[in-house]
Amino acid sequence: MDRRPDDLERVTGGEPDGPPVAALVHRLALAPPDLFEPAVGTSALVADVAAGLDGAVLDRASLRALDADLQGTADGVASRRALVGLLCWLVADPALTTAPGVQAATAAAGGRTAWFLRLVEGVQRVLAGQRADRDWVRDETAREELARAVCRLGGVLPAGESAATADDRWLTVSSAYQGKVTAALAVERARAEELARVLAEQRAKEAAAQYANY
């Protein structure tokens, strides 16, 4: 299988000197369980974080779009709410937003709020439904996947990593990519089994023909 970034991605680099992945993973492990409660107003949480980043007040259209994605009981809403809540938890930590790479990326995006809202949309699009909601906190690989997704979507390379290293490490934790690998292996296994069956049938026919000639 072609080892290239999956659909998150097609990212060929990013601003260097982003946050350390280990710090983001540790931060996720400390996420408050309240973030998973249905009563949490995730849209309001996004608005609060945006205001804390650079004093921005989200306009009515942005708030309506958030509500459309994050409210209700439709399939996938709980997953999106959990991911956005965890993203808010990460972004609220100054250790993320003060990383030199993040400062450069936010400037290129038109400010911290614009950068943050891009992440809000991105984590839903890329990761929603890939894992059980609480696994993003409980499972170490899942925490690393979310941490690396935030870096990739945010246009930064994790601290101390080249673009090639970041790509390789992303592929080892990406649920979507690993799912593609598993599916490809299953197809290859099925083809091998079919070939073995055909060859066995052919050998049986040849043996029967030889026996008939005696």
C-alpha atoms as a PDB file:
ATOM      1  CA  MET A   1       0.000   0.000   0.000  1.00  0.00           C
ATOM      2  CA  ASP A   2       1.196   3.472  -0.861  1.00  0.00           C
ATOM      3  CA  ARG A   3       2.523   5.070   2.324  1.00  0.00           C
ATOM      4  CA  ARG A   4       1.154   8.563   2.046  1.00  0.00           C
ATOM      5  CA  PRO A   5      -0.970  10.607   4.418  1.00  0.00           C
ATOM      6  CA  ASP A   6      -4.647   9.742   4.379  1.00  0.00           C
ATOM      7  CA  ASP A   7      -7.411  12.211   3.674  1.00  0.00           C
ATOM      8  CA  LEU A   8      -6.593  14.512   6.611  1.00  0.00           C
ATOM      9  CA  GLU A   9      -3.563  15.312   5.186  1.00  0.00           C
ATOM     10  CA  ARG A  10      -2.142  15.630   1.916  1.00  0.00           C
ATOM     11  CA  VAL A  11      -0.046  17.805   4.181  1.00  0.00           C
ATOM     12  CA  THR A  12       3.521  18.014   2.962  1.00  0.00           C
ATOM     13  CA  GLY A  13       4.898  20.007   5.845  1.00  0.00           C
ATOM     14  CA  GLY A  14       3.958  22.765   8.203  1.00  0.00           C
ATOM     15  CA  GLU A  15       5.425  25.410  10.418  1.00  0.00           C
ATOM     16  CA  PRO A  16       8.320  23.975  12.448  1.00  0.00           C
ATOM     17  CA  ASP A  17       8.552  24.225  16.214  1.00  0.00           C
ATOM     18  CA  GLY A  18       4.997  23.270  17.024  1.00  0.00           C
ATOM     19  CA  PRO A  19       4.029  21.884  20.414  1.00  0.00           C
ATOM     20  CA  PRO A  20       5.555  18.614  21.649  1.00  0.00           C
ATOM     21  CA  VAL A  21       3.209  15.709  20.968  1.00  0.00           C
ATOM     22  CA  ALA A  22       3.965  14.313  24.425  1.00  0.00           C
ATOM     23  CA  ALA A  23       2.652  17.502  26.043  1.00  0.00           C
ATOM     24  CA  LEU A  24      -0.609  17.328  24.078  1.00  0.00           C
ATOM     25  CA  VAL A  25      -1.031  13.635  24.873  1.00  0.00           C
ATOM     26  CA  HIS A  26      -0.503  14.345  28.558  1.00  0.00           C
ATOM     27  CA  ARG A  27      -2.978  17.222  28.464  1.00  0.00           C
ATOM     28  CA  LEU A  28      -5.615  14.939  26.904  1.00  0.00           C
ATOM     29  CA  ALA A  29      -5.093  12.387  29.661  1.00  0.00           C
ATOM     30  CA  LEU A  30      -6.084  15.102  32.141  1.00  0.00           C
ATOM     31  CA  ALA A  31      -9.247  16.152  30.290  1.00  0.00           C
ATOM     32  CA  PRO A  32     -12.231  16.583  32.637  1.00  0.00           C
ATOM     33  CA  PRO A  33     -14.912  13.899  32.200  1.00  0.00           C
ATOM     34  CA  ASP A  34     -17.576  16.620  32.095  1.00  0.00           C
ATOM     35  CA  LEU A  35     -16.596  17.262  28.479  1.00  0.00           C
ATOM     36  CA  PHE A  36     -18.438  14.077  27.514  1.00  0.00           C
ATOM     37  CA  GLU A  37     -21.680  15.009  29.245  1.00  0.00           C
ATOM     38  CA  PRO A  38     -24.633  15.881  26.967  1.00  0.00           C
ATOM     39  CA  ALA A  39     -25.441  18.860  29.172  1.00  0.00           C
ATOM     40  CA  VAL A  40     -22.204  20.608  28.210  1.00  0.00           C
ATOM     41  CA  GLY A  41     -22.849  23.449  25.774  1.00  0.00           C
ATOM     42  CA  THR A  42     -20.085  22.700  23.294  1.00  0.00           C
ATOM     43  CA  SER A  43     -20.948  25.619  21.019  1.00  0.00           C
ATOM     44  CA  ALA A  44     -20.728  27.989  23.971  1.00  0.00           C
ATOM     45  CA  LEU A  45     -17.423  26.389  24.950  1.00  0.00           C
ATOM     46  CA  VAL A  46     -16.038  27.091  21.485  1.00  0.00           C
ATOM     47  CA  ALA A  47     -17.206  30.702  21.748  1.00  0.00           C
ATOM     48  CA  ASP A  48     -15.571  31.067  25.165  1.00  0.00           C
ATOM     49  CA  VAL A  49     -12.258  29.662  23.938  1.00  0.00           C
ATOM     50  CA  ALA A  50     -12.336  31.953  20.892  1.00  0.00           C
ATOM     51  CA  ALA A  51     -12.896  34.947  23.146  1.00  0.00           C
ATOM     52  CA  GLY A  52     -10.000  33.853  25.331  1.00  0.00           C
ATOM     53  CA  LEU A  53      -7.656  33.478  22.373  1.00  0.00           C
ATOM     54  CA  ASP A  54      -7.833  37.003  21.009  1.00  0.00           C
ATOM     55  CA  GLY A  55     -10.992  38.616  22.327  1.00  0.00           C
ATOM     56  CA  ALA A  56     -13.026  37.627  19.279  1.00  0.00           C
ATOM     57  CA  VAL A  57     -16.806  37.411  19.553  1.00  0.00           C
ATOM     58  CA  LEU A  58     -18.240  34.850  17.152  1.00  0.00           C
ATOM     59  CA  ASP A  59     -20.889  36.231  14.846  1.00  0.00           C
ATOM     60  CA  ARG A  60     -24.398  34.839  14.651  1.00  0.00           C
ATOM     61  CA  ALA A  61     -23.703  32.824  11.494  1.00  0.00           C
ATOM     62  CA  SER A  62     -20.742  31.081  13.120  1.00  0.00           C
ATOM     63  CA  LEU A  63     -22.778  30.255  16.209  1.00  0.00           C
ATOM     64  CA  ARG A  64     -25.634  28.874  14.114  1.00  0.00           C
ATOM     65  CA  ALA A  65     -23.190  26.675  12.193  1.00  0.00           C
ATOM     66  CA  LEU A  66     -21.734  25.362  15.444  1.00  0.00           C
ATOM     67  CA  ASP A  67     -25.185  24.616  16.823  1.00  0.00           C
ATOM     68  CA  ALA A  68     -26.111  22.751  13.640  1.00  0.00           C
ATOM     69  CA  ASP A  69     -23.066  20.496  14.020  1.00  0.00           C
ATOM     70  CA  LEU A  70     -22.982  20.063  17.778  1.00  0.00           C
ATOM     71  CA  GLN A  71     -26.555  20.042  19.062  1.00  0.00           C
ATOM     72  CA  GLY A  72     -29.239  17.389  18.953  1.00  0.00           C
ATOM     73  CA  THR A  73     -29.238  13.609  19.030  1.00  0.00           C
ATOM     74  CA  ALA A  74     -28.573  12.762  15.384  1.00  0.00           C
ATOM     75  CA  ASP A  75     -26.027  10.095  14.531  1.00  0.00           C
ATOM     76  CA  GLY A  76     -22.487  11.356  14.967  1.00  0.00           C
ATOM     77  CA  VAL A  77     -23.322  14.392  17.077  1.00  0.00           C
ATOM     78  CA  ALA A  78     -21.976  12.896  20.315  1.00  0.00           C
ATOM     79  CA  SER A  79     -18.709  12.010  18.592  1.00  0.00           C
ATOM     80  CA  ARG A  80     -18.318  15.512  17.174  1.00  0.00           C
ATOM     81  CA  ARG A  81     -19.152  17.099  20.524  1.00  0.00           C
ATOM     82  CA  ALA A  82     -16.539  14.995  22.319  1.00  0.00           C
ATOM     83  CA  LEU A  83     -13.823  15.829  19.810  1.00  0.00           C
ATOM     84  CA  VAL A  84     -14.583  19.549  19.791  1.00  0.00           C
ATOM     85  CA  GLY A  85     -14.718  19.611  23.581  1.00  0.00           C
ATOM     86  CA  LEU A  86     -11.311  17.950  23.768  1.00  0.00           C
ATOM     87  CA  LEU A  87      -9.963  20.366  21.180  1.00  0.00           C
ATOM     88  CA  CYS A  88     -11.163  23.262  23.330  1.00  0.00           C
ATOM     89  CA  TRP A  89      -9.366  21.691  26.289  1.00  0.00           C
ATOM     90  CA  LEU A  90      -6.129  21.537  24.286  1.00  0.00           C
ATOM     91  CA  VAL A  91      -6.360  25.033  22.826  1.00  0.00           C
ATOM     92  CA  ALA A  92      -7.159  26.563  26.206  1.00  0.00           C
ATOM     93  CA  ASP A  93      -3.646  25.587  27.305  1.00  0.00           C
ATOM     94  CA  PRO A  94      -1.191  28.431  26.545  1.00  0.00           C
ATOM     95  CA  ALA A  95       1.521  25.818  25.993  1.00  0.00           C
ATOM     96  CA  LEU A  96      -0.155  25.062  22.659  1.00  0.00           C
ATOM     97  CA  THR A  97      -0.910  28.551  21.394  1.00  0.00           C
ATOM     98  CA  THR A  98       2.436  30.035  22.449  1.00  0.00           C
ATOM     99  CA  ALA A  99       4.519  27.459  20.568  1.00  0.00           C
ATOM    100  CA  PRO A 100       6.500  29.360  17.894  1.00  0.00           C
ATOM    101  CA  GLY A 101       5.111  27.215  15.082  1.00  0.00           C
ATOM    102  CA  VAL A 102       1.540  27.798  16.226  1.00  0.00           C
ATOM    103  CA  GLN A 103       2.118  31.537  16.426  1.00  0.00           C
ATOM    104  CA  ALA A 104       3.320  31.503  12.815  1.00  0.00           C
ATOM    105  CA  ALA A 105       0.404  29.306  11.711  1.00  0.00           C
ATOM    106  CA  THR A 106      -2.188  31.481  13.428  1.00  0.00           C
ATOM    107  CA  ALA A 107      -0.745  34.587  11.803  1.00  0.00           C
ATOM    108  CA  ALA A 108      -0.947  32.909   8.396  1.00  0.00           C
ATOM    109  CA  ALA A 109      -4.554  31.877   9.087  1.00  0.00           C
ATOM    110  CA  GLY A 110      -5.633  35.411   9.894  1.00  0.00           C
ATOM    111  CA  GLY A 111      -5.520  35.186  13.668  1.00  0.00           C
ATOM    112  CA  ARG A 112      -5.947  32.733  16.490  1.00  0.00           C
ATOM    113  CA  THR A 113      -9.726  32.514  16.237  1.00  0.00           C
ATOM    114  CA  ALA A 114      -9.694  31.789  12.499  1.00  0.00           C
ATOM    115  CA  TRP A 115      -7.050  29.127  13.088  1.00  0.00           C
ATOM    116  CA  PHE A 116      -9.048  27.630  15.958  1.00  0.00           C
ATOM    117  CA  LEU A 117     -12.293  27.499  13.972  1.00  0.00           C
ATOM    118  CA  ARG A 118     -10.466  25.683  11.197  1.00  0.00           C
ATOM    119  CA  LEU A 119      -9.448  23.091  13.776  1.00  0.00           C
ATOM    120  CA  VAL A 120     -13.022  22.836  15.067  1.00  0.00           C
ATOM    121  CA  GLU A 121     -14.229  21.980  11.575  1.00  0.00           C
ATOM    122  CA  GLY A 122     -11.287  19.728  10.824  1.00  0.00           C
ATOM    123  CA  VAL A 123     -11.379  17.418  13.832  1.00  0.00           C
ATOM    124  CA  GLN A 124     -15.046  16.725  13.165  1.00  0.00           C
ATOM    125  CA  ARG A 125     -14.464  15.989   9.493  1.00  0.00           C
ATOM    126  CA  VAL A 126     -11.412  13.799   9.993  1.00  0.00           C
ATOM    127  CA  LEU A 127     -11.916  11.989  13.290  1.00  0.00           C
ATOM    128  CA  ALA A 128     -15.637  11.817  14.113  1.00  0.00           C
ATOM    129  CA  GLY A 129     -16.765   8.220  14.404  1.00  0.00           C
ATOM    130  CA  GLN A 130     -13.265   6.767  14.146  1.00  0.00           C
ATOM    131  CA  ARG A 131     -13.120   5.693  17.805  1.00  0.00           C
ATOM    132  CA  ALA A 132     -15.349   5.412  20.853  1.00  0.00           C
ATOM    133  CA  ASP A 133     -15.693   8.893  22.353  1.00  0.00           C
ATOM    134  CA  ARG A 134     -13.905   8.252  25.636  1.00  0.00           C
ATOM    135  CA  ASP A 135     -11.061   6.377  23.946  1.00  0.00           C
ATOM    136  CA  TRP A 136      -9.689   9.748  22.890  1.00  0.00           C
ATOM    137  CA  VAL A 137      -8.792  10.185  26.554  1.00  0.00           C
ATOM    138  CA  ARG A 138      -8.386   6.633  27.866  1.00  0.00           C
ATOM    139  CA  ASP A 139      -6.321   5.088  25.059  1.00  0.00           C
ATOM    140  CA  GLU A 140      -2.749   6.263  24.577  1.00  0.00           C
ATOM    141  CA  THR A 141      -2.700   5.643  20.824  1.00  0.00           C
ATOM    142  CA  ALA A 142      -5.990   7.499  20.442  1.00  0.00           C
ATOM    143  CA  ARG A 143      -4.612  10.438  22.412  1.00  0.00           C
ATOM    144  CA  GLU A 144      -1.592  10.554  20.130  1.00  0.00           C
ATOM    145  CA  GLU A 145      -3.848  10.372  17.070  1.00  0.00           C
ATOM    146  CA  LEU A 146      -5.861  13.366  18.245  1.00  0.00           C
ATOM    147  CA  ALA A 147      -2.724  15.285  19.235  1.00  0.00           C
ATOM    148  CA  ARG A 148      -1.128  14.687  15.851  1.00  0.00           C
ATOM    149  CA  ALA A 149      -4.359  15.489  14.023  1.00  0.00           C
ATOM    150  CA  VAL A 150      -4.472  18.856  15.783  1.00  0.00           C
ATOM    151  CA  CYS A 151      -0.917  19.589  14.677  1.00  0.00           C
ATOM    152  CA  ARG A 152      -1.585  18.546  11.084  1.00  0.00           C
ATOM    153  CA  LEU A 153      -4.873  20.408  10.809  1.00  0.00           C
ATOM    154  CA  GLY A 154      -3.261  23.403  12.467  1.00  0.00           C
ATOM    155  CA  GLY A 155      -0.442  23.508   9.933  1.00  0.00           C
ATOM    156  CA  VAL A 156       2.405  22.833  12.345  1.00  0.00           C
ATOM    157  CA  LEU A 157       5.032  20.159  12.780  1.00  0.00           C
ATOM    158  CA  PRO A 158       5.366  18.698  16.264  1.00  0.00           C
ATOM    159  CA  ALA A 159       8.423  19.946  18.122  1.00  0.00           C
ATOM    160  CA  GLY A 160      11.590  18.184  17.028  1.00  0.00           C
ATOM    161  CA  GLU A 161      10.026  16.425  14.023  1.00  0.00           C
ATOM    162  CA  SER A 162      10.683  16.818  10.316  1.00  0.00           C
ATOM    163  CA  ALA A 163       7.811  16.636   7.839  1.00  0.00           C
ATOM    164  CA  ALA A 164       8.798  13.070   6.890  1.00  0.00           C
ATOM    165  CA  THR A 165       8.956  11.961  10.515  1.00  0.00           C
ATOM    166  CA  ALA A 166       5.622  13.595  11.294  1.00  0.00           C
ATOM    167  CA  ASP A 167       4.042  11.834   8.302  1.00  0.00           C
ATOM    168  CA  ASP A 168       5.375   8.428   9.322  1.00  0.00           C
ATOM    169  CA  ARG A 169       4.303   8.822  12.927  1.00  0.00           C
ATOM    170  CA  TRP A 170       0.877  10.036  11.847  1.00  0.00           C
ATOM    171  CA  LEU A 171       0.336   6.959   9.707  1.00  0.00           C
ATOM    172  CA  THR A 172       1.119   4.651  12.629  1.00  0.00           C
ATOM    173  CA  VAL A 173      -1.727   6.114  14.703  1.00  0.00           C
ATOM    174  CA  SER A 174      -4.255   7.229  12.081  1.00  0.00           C
ATOM    175  CA  SER A 175      -7.464   5.216  12.460  1.00  0.00           C
ATOM    176  CA  ALA A 176      -8.470   5.943   8.874  1.00  0.00           C
ATOM    177  CA  TYR A 177      -5.133   4.895   7.430  1.00  0.00           C
ATOM    178  CA  GLN A 178      -4.874   1.770   9.559  1.00  0.00           C
ATOM    179  CA  GLY A 179      -8.409   0.879   8.489  1.00  0.00           C
ATOM    180  CA  LYS A 180      -7.304   1.138   4.863  1.00  0.00           C
ATOM    181  CA  VAL A 181      -4.296  -1.068   5.584  1.00  0.00           C
ATOM    182  CA  THR A 182      -6.503  -3.670   7.256  1.00  0.00           C
ATOM    183  CA  ALA A 183      -8.979  -3.608   4.382  1.00  0.00           C
ATOM    184  CA  ALA A 184      -6.197  -3.950   1.810  1.00  0.00           C
ATOM    185  CA  LEU A 185      -4.701  -6.894   3.686  1.00  0.00           C
ATOM    186  CA  ALA A 186      -8.115  -8.555   3.831  1.00  0.00           C
ATOM    187  CA  VAL A 187      -8.488  -8.169   0.055  1.00  0.00           C
ATOM    188  CA  GLU A 188      -5.015  -9.590  -0.533  1.00  0.00           C
ATOM    189  CA  ARG A 189      -5.739 -12.510   1.798  1.00  0.00           C
ATOM    190  CA  ALA A 190      -9.013 -13.240  -0.005  1.00  0.00           C
ATOM    191  CA  ARG A 191      -7.221 -13.191  -3.361  1.00  0.00           C
ATOM    192  CA  ALA A 192      -4.535 -15.549  -2.067  1.00  0.00           C
ATOM    193  CA  GLU A 193      -7.165 -17.927  -0.717  1.00  0.00           C
ATOM    194  CA  GLU A 194      -9.043 -17.857  -4.034  1.00  0.00           C
ATOM    195  CA  LEU A 195      -5.843 -18.548  -5.955  1.00  0.00           C
ATOM    196  CA  ALA A 196      -5.016 -21.447  -3.632  1.00  0.00           C
ATOM    197  CA  ARG A 197      -8.512 -22.843  -4.156  1.00  0.00           C
ATOM    198  CA  VAL A 198      -8.237 -22.604  -7.940  1.00  0.00           C
ATOM    199  CA  LEU A 199      -4.817 -24.264  -7.935  1.00  0.00           C
ATOM    200  CA  ALA A 200      -6.060 -27.041  -5.663  1.00  0.00           C
ATOM    201  CA  GLU A 201      -8.990 -27.679  -7.983  1.00  0.00           C
ATOM    202  CA  GLN A 202      -6.653 -27.727 -10.969  1.00  0.00           C
ATOM    203  CA  ARG A 203      -4.345 -30.228  -9.287  1.00  0.00           C
ATOM    204  CA  ALA A 204      -7.323 -32.404  -8.368  1.00  0.00           C
ATOM    205  CA  LYS A 205      -8.530 -32.386 -11.978  1.00  0.00           C
ATOM    206  CA  GLU A 206      -5.066 -33.267 -13.257  1.00  0.00           C
ATOM    207  CA  ALA A 207      -4.773 -36.104 -10.748  1.00  0.00           C
ATOM    208  CA  ALA A 208      -8.198 -37.427 -11.730  1.00  0.00           C
ATOM    209  CA  ALA A 209      -7.260 -37.292 -15.416  1.00  0.00           C
ATOM    210  CA  GLN A 210      -4.039 -39.201 -14.803  1.00  0.00           C
ATOM    211  CA  TYR A 211      -5.904 -41.837 -12.796  1.00  0.00           C
ATOM    212  CA  ALA A 212      -8.475 -42.256 -15.590  1.00  0.00           C
ATOM    213  CA  ASN A 213      -5.692 -42.976 -18.080  1.00  0.00           C
ATOM    214  CA  TYR A 214      -4.415 -45.974 -16.116  1.00  0.00           C
END
